[in-house]
Amino acid sequence: MGGAKKQTLAQAEKQQSAEASKDEKKGKPKQGQMAKGTSFTQKINEAEANKVISQMKAITVYAAAKSLGVNAAMAQTFIKSSEAKGTLQKIGGYSGHYVYKYVGIK
């Protein structure tokens, strides 16, 4: 029933600053910051993506993200650009959760 006692504020601050100095020495970014040289953007090869998407019956953002191996934001961007090009057509859904079908490359 024992366990560690709750640290005082001074002890918690000392431990947190010690961990932060270790992370700085190792080159790790602080919490909430990105490491240098990284970005949120991922590249989608449109030819390969169209090949994968064309085999799907119903296309949603999350299904496309899973099959393309990217995050949902990139899949959403790809779907919007494909819809603008005429490759995908919106066939249903509501409130941002739309279902698309593959029309073909025009």
C-alpha atoms as a PDB file:
ATOM      1  CA  MET A   1       0.000   0.000   0.000  1.00  0.00           C
ATOM      2  CA  GLY A   2       3.068   2.179   0.100  1.00  0.00           C
ATOM      3  CA  GLY A   3       4.577   3.994  -2.784  1.00  0.00           C
ATOM      4  CA  ALA A   4       6.511   7.116  -3.468  1.00  0.00           C
ATOM      5  CA  LYS A   5       5.510  10.248  -1.655  1.00  0.00           C
ATOM      6  CA  LYS A   6       4.309  13.246  -3.580  1.00  0.00           C
ATOM      7  CA  GLN A   7       7.191  15.566  -4.419  1.00  0.00           C
ATOM      8  CA  THR A   8       7.260  19.106  -3.199  1.00  0.00           C
ATOM      9  CA  LEU A   9       7.093  21.839  -5.827  1.00  0.00           C
ATOM     10  CA  ALA A  10      10.781  22.641  -5.385  1.00  0.00           C
ATOM     11  CA  GLN A  11      11.770  19.004  -5.908  1.00  0.00           C
ATOM     12  CA  ALA A  12       9.543  18.687  -8.994  1.00  0.00           C
ATOM     13  CA  GLU A  13      11.050  21.849 -10.515  1.00  0.00           C
ATOM     14  CA  LYS A  14      14.594  20.597  -9.902  1.00  0.00           C
ATOM     15  CA  GLN A  15      13.817  17.251 -11.523  1.00  0.00           C
ATOM     16  CA  GLN A  16      12.141  18.900 -14.512  1.00  0.00           C
ATOM     17  CA  SER A  17      15.060  21.286 -15.080  1.00  0.00           C
ATOM     18  CA  ALA A  18      17.535  18.388 -14.788  1.00  0.00           C
ATOM     19  CA  GLU A  19      15.597  16.409 -17.433  1.00  0.00           C
ATOM     20  CA  ALA A  20      15.445  19.460 -19.689  1.00  0.00           C
ATOM     21  CA  SER A  21      19.200  19.945 -19.483  1.00  0.00           C
ATOM     22  CA  LYS A  22      19.721  16.255 -20.354  1.00  0.00           C
ATOM     23  CA  ASP A  23      17.456  16.635 -23.401  1.00  0.00           C
ATOM     24  CA  GLU A  24      19.342  19.743 -24.537  1.00  0.00           C
ATOM     25  CA  LYS A  25      22.636  17.877 -24.308  1.00  0.00           C
ATOM     26  CA  LYS A  26      21.207  15.021 -26.385  1.00  0.00           C
ATOM     27  CA  GLY A  27      19.701  17.436 -28.903  1.00  0.00           C
ATOM     28  CA  LYS A  28      16.101  16.450 -28.256  1.00  0.00           C
ATOM     29  CA  PRO A  29      13.460  19.147 -28.764  1.00  0.00           C
ATOM     30  CA  LYS A  30      11.560  20.419 -25.747  1.00  0.00           C
ATOM     31  CA  GLN A  31       8.003  19.276 -25.309  1.00  0.00           C
ATOM     32  CA  GLY A  32       5.752  21.031 -27.828  1.00  0.00           C
ATOM     33  CA  GLN A  33       8.612  21.851 -30.196  1.00  0.00           C
ATOM     34  CA  MET A  34       9.719  20.152 -33.375  1.00  0.00           C
ATOM     35  CA  ALA A  35      13.243  18.948 -33.992  1.00  0.00           C
ATOM     36  CA  LYS A  36      15.276  20.978 -36.448  1.00  0.00           C
ATOM     37  CA  GLY A  37      14.920  19.852 -40.035  1.00  0.00           C
ATOM     38  CA  THR A  38      11.552  18.156 -39.585  1.00  0.00           C
ATOM     39  CA  SER A  39       8.291  19.296 -41.070  1.00  0.00           C
ATOM     40  CA  PHE A  40       4.674  18.252 -41.055  1.00  0.00           C
ATOM     41  CA  THR A  41       4.483  17.798 -44.804  1.00  0.00           C
ATOM     42  CA  GLN A  42       4.645  14.389 -46.369  1.00  0.00           C
ATOM     43  CA  LYS A  43       4.917  13.681 -50.059  1.00  0.00           C
ATOM     44  CA  ILE A  44       2.293  11.709 -51.935  1.00  0.00           C
ATOM     45  CA  ASN A  45       3.198  10.262 -55.316  1.00  0.00           C
ATOM     46  CA  GLU A  46       0.029  10.947 -57.311  1.00  0.00           C
ATOM     47  CA  ALA A  47       0.525   8.137 -59.816  1.00  0.00           C
ATOM     48  CA  GLU A  48       0.887   5.512 -57.099  1.00  0.00           C
ATOM     49  CA  ALA A  49      -1.875   7.086 -55.026  1.00  0.00           C
ATOM     50  CA  ASN A  50      -4.304   7.021 -57.956  1.00  0.00           C
ATOM     51  CA  LYS A  51      -3.472   3.341 -58.504  1.00  0.00           C
ATOM     52  CA  VAL A  52      -4.275   2.540 -54.857  1.00  0.00           C
ATOM     53  CA  ILE A  53      -7.366   4.757 -54.747  1.00  0.00           C
ATOM     54  CA  SER A  54      -8.772   3.307 -57.977  1.00  0.00           C
ATOM     55  CA  GLN A  55      -9.025  -0.123 -56.350  1.00  0.00           C
ATOM     56  CA  MET A  56     -11.137   1.136 -53.451  1.00  0.00           C
ATOM     57  CA  LYS A  57     -14.936   1.000 -53.627  1.00  0.00           C
ATOM     58  CA  ALA A  58     -15.721   3.805 -51.187  1.00  0.00           C
ATOM     59  CA  ILE A  59     -13.073   6.383 -50.389  1.00  0.00           C
ATOM     60  CA  THR A  60     -13.063   8.244 -47.093  1.00  0.00           C
ATOM     61  CA  VAL A  61     -10.319  10.388 -45.606  1.00  0.00           C
ATOM     62  CA  TYR A  62      -9.299   7.807 -43.032  1.00  0.00           C
ATOM     63  CA  ALA A  63      -9.435   4.864 -45.433  1.00  0.00           C
ATOM     64  CA  ALA A  64      -7.285   6.793 -47.895  1.00  0.00           C
ATOM     65  CA  ALA A  65      -4.840   7.758 -45.142  1.00  0.00           C
ATOM     66  CA  LYS A  66      -4.480   4.157 -44.056  1.00  0.00           C
ATOM     67  CA  SER A  67      -4.024   2.770 -47.565  1.00  0.00           C
ATOM     68  CA  LEU A  68      -1.599   5.527 -48.633  1.00  0.00           C
ATOM     69  CA  GLY A  69       0.379   5.398 -45.402  1.00  0.00           C
ATOM     70  CA  VAL A  70       0.084   9.104 -44.612  1.00  0.00           C
ATOM     71  CA  ASN A  71      -1.698  11.072 -41.920  1.00  0.00           C
ATOM     72  CA  ALA A  72      -5.318  12.179 -42.287  1.00  0.00           C
ATOM     73  CA  ALA A  73      -4.440  15.803 -43.043  1.00  0.00           C
ATOM     74  CA  MET A  74      -2.347  14.804 -46.054  1.00  0.00           C
ATOM     75  CA  ALA A  75      -5.043  12.398 -47.230  1.00  0.00           C
ATOM     76  CA  GLN A  76      -7.628  15.183 -46.966  1.00  0.00           C
ATOM     77  CA  THR A  77      -5.404  17.495 -49.015  1.00  0.00           C
ATOM     78  CA  PHE A  78      -4.911  14.792 -51.648  1.00  0.00           C
ATOM     79  CA  ILE A  79      -8.653  14.074 -51.822  1.00  0.00           C
ATOM     80  CA  LYS A  80      -9.535  17.764 -52.189  1.00  0.00           C
ATOM     81  CA  SER A  81      -6.996  18.224 -54.985  1.00  0.00           C
ATOM     82  CA  SER A  82      -8.199  15.056 -56.729  1.00  0.00           C
ATOM     83  CA  GLU A  83     -11.787  16.259 -56.487  1.00  0.00           C
ATOM     84  CA  ALA A  84     -10.793  19.586 -58.023  1.00  0.00           C
ATOM     85  CA  LYS A  85      -9.047  17.753 -60.888  1.00  0.00           C
ATOM     86  CA  GLY A  86     -12.108  15.562 -61.451  1.00  0.00           C
ATOM     87  CA  THR A  87     -10.473  12.275 -60.467  1.00  0.00           C
ATOM     88  CA  LEU A  88     -12.741  11.785 -57.449  1.00  0.00           C
ATOM     89  CA  GLN A  89     -16.438  12.511 -57.106  1.00  0.00           C
ATOM     90  CA  LYS A  90     -18.315  13.140 -53.857  1.00  0.00           C
ATOM     91  CA  ILE A  91     -21.189  10.658 -53.562  1.00  0.00           C
ATOM     92  CA  GLY A  92     -22.341  10.994 -49.969  1.00  0.00           C
ATOM     93  CA  GLY A  93     -21.575  11.814 -46.379  1.00  0.00           C
ATOM     94  CA  TYR A  94     -22.206  14.798 -44.170  1.00  0.00           C
ATOM     95  CA  SER A  95     -20.497  17.361 -41.954  1.00  0.00           C
ATOM     96  CA  GLY A  96     -17.022  16.925 -43.366  1.00  0.00           C
ATOM     97  CA  HIS A  97     -17.132  13.115 -43.382  1.00  0.00           C
ATOM     98  CA  TYR A  98     -17.693  12.617 -47.073  1.00  0.00           C
ATOM     99  CA  VAL A  99     -17.539   9.492 -49.189  1.00  0.00           C
ATOM    100  CA  TYR A 100     -15.945   9.672 -52.628  1.00  0.00           C
ATOM    101  CA  LYS A 101     -15.753   7.377 -55.620  1.00  0.00           C
ATOM    102  CA  TYR A 102     -12.997   7.074 -58.175  1.00  0.00           C
ATOM    103  CA  VAL A 103     -14.039   8.493 -61.567  1.00  0.00           C
ATOM    104  CA  GLY A 104     -10.775   8.153 -63.427  1.00  0.00           C
ATOM    105  CA  ILE A 105      -7.969  10.305 -64.719  1.00  0.00           C
ATOM    106  CA  LYS A 106      -9.177  12.975 -67.103  1.00  0.00           C
END
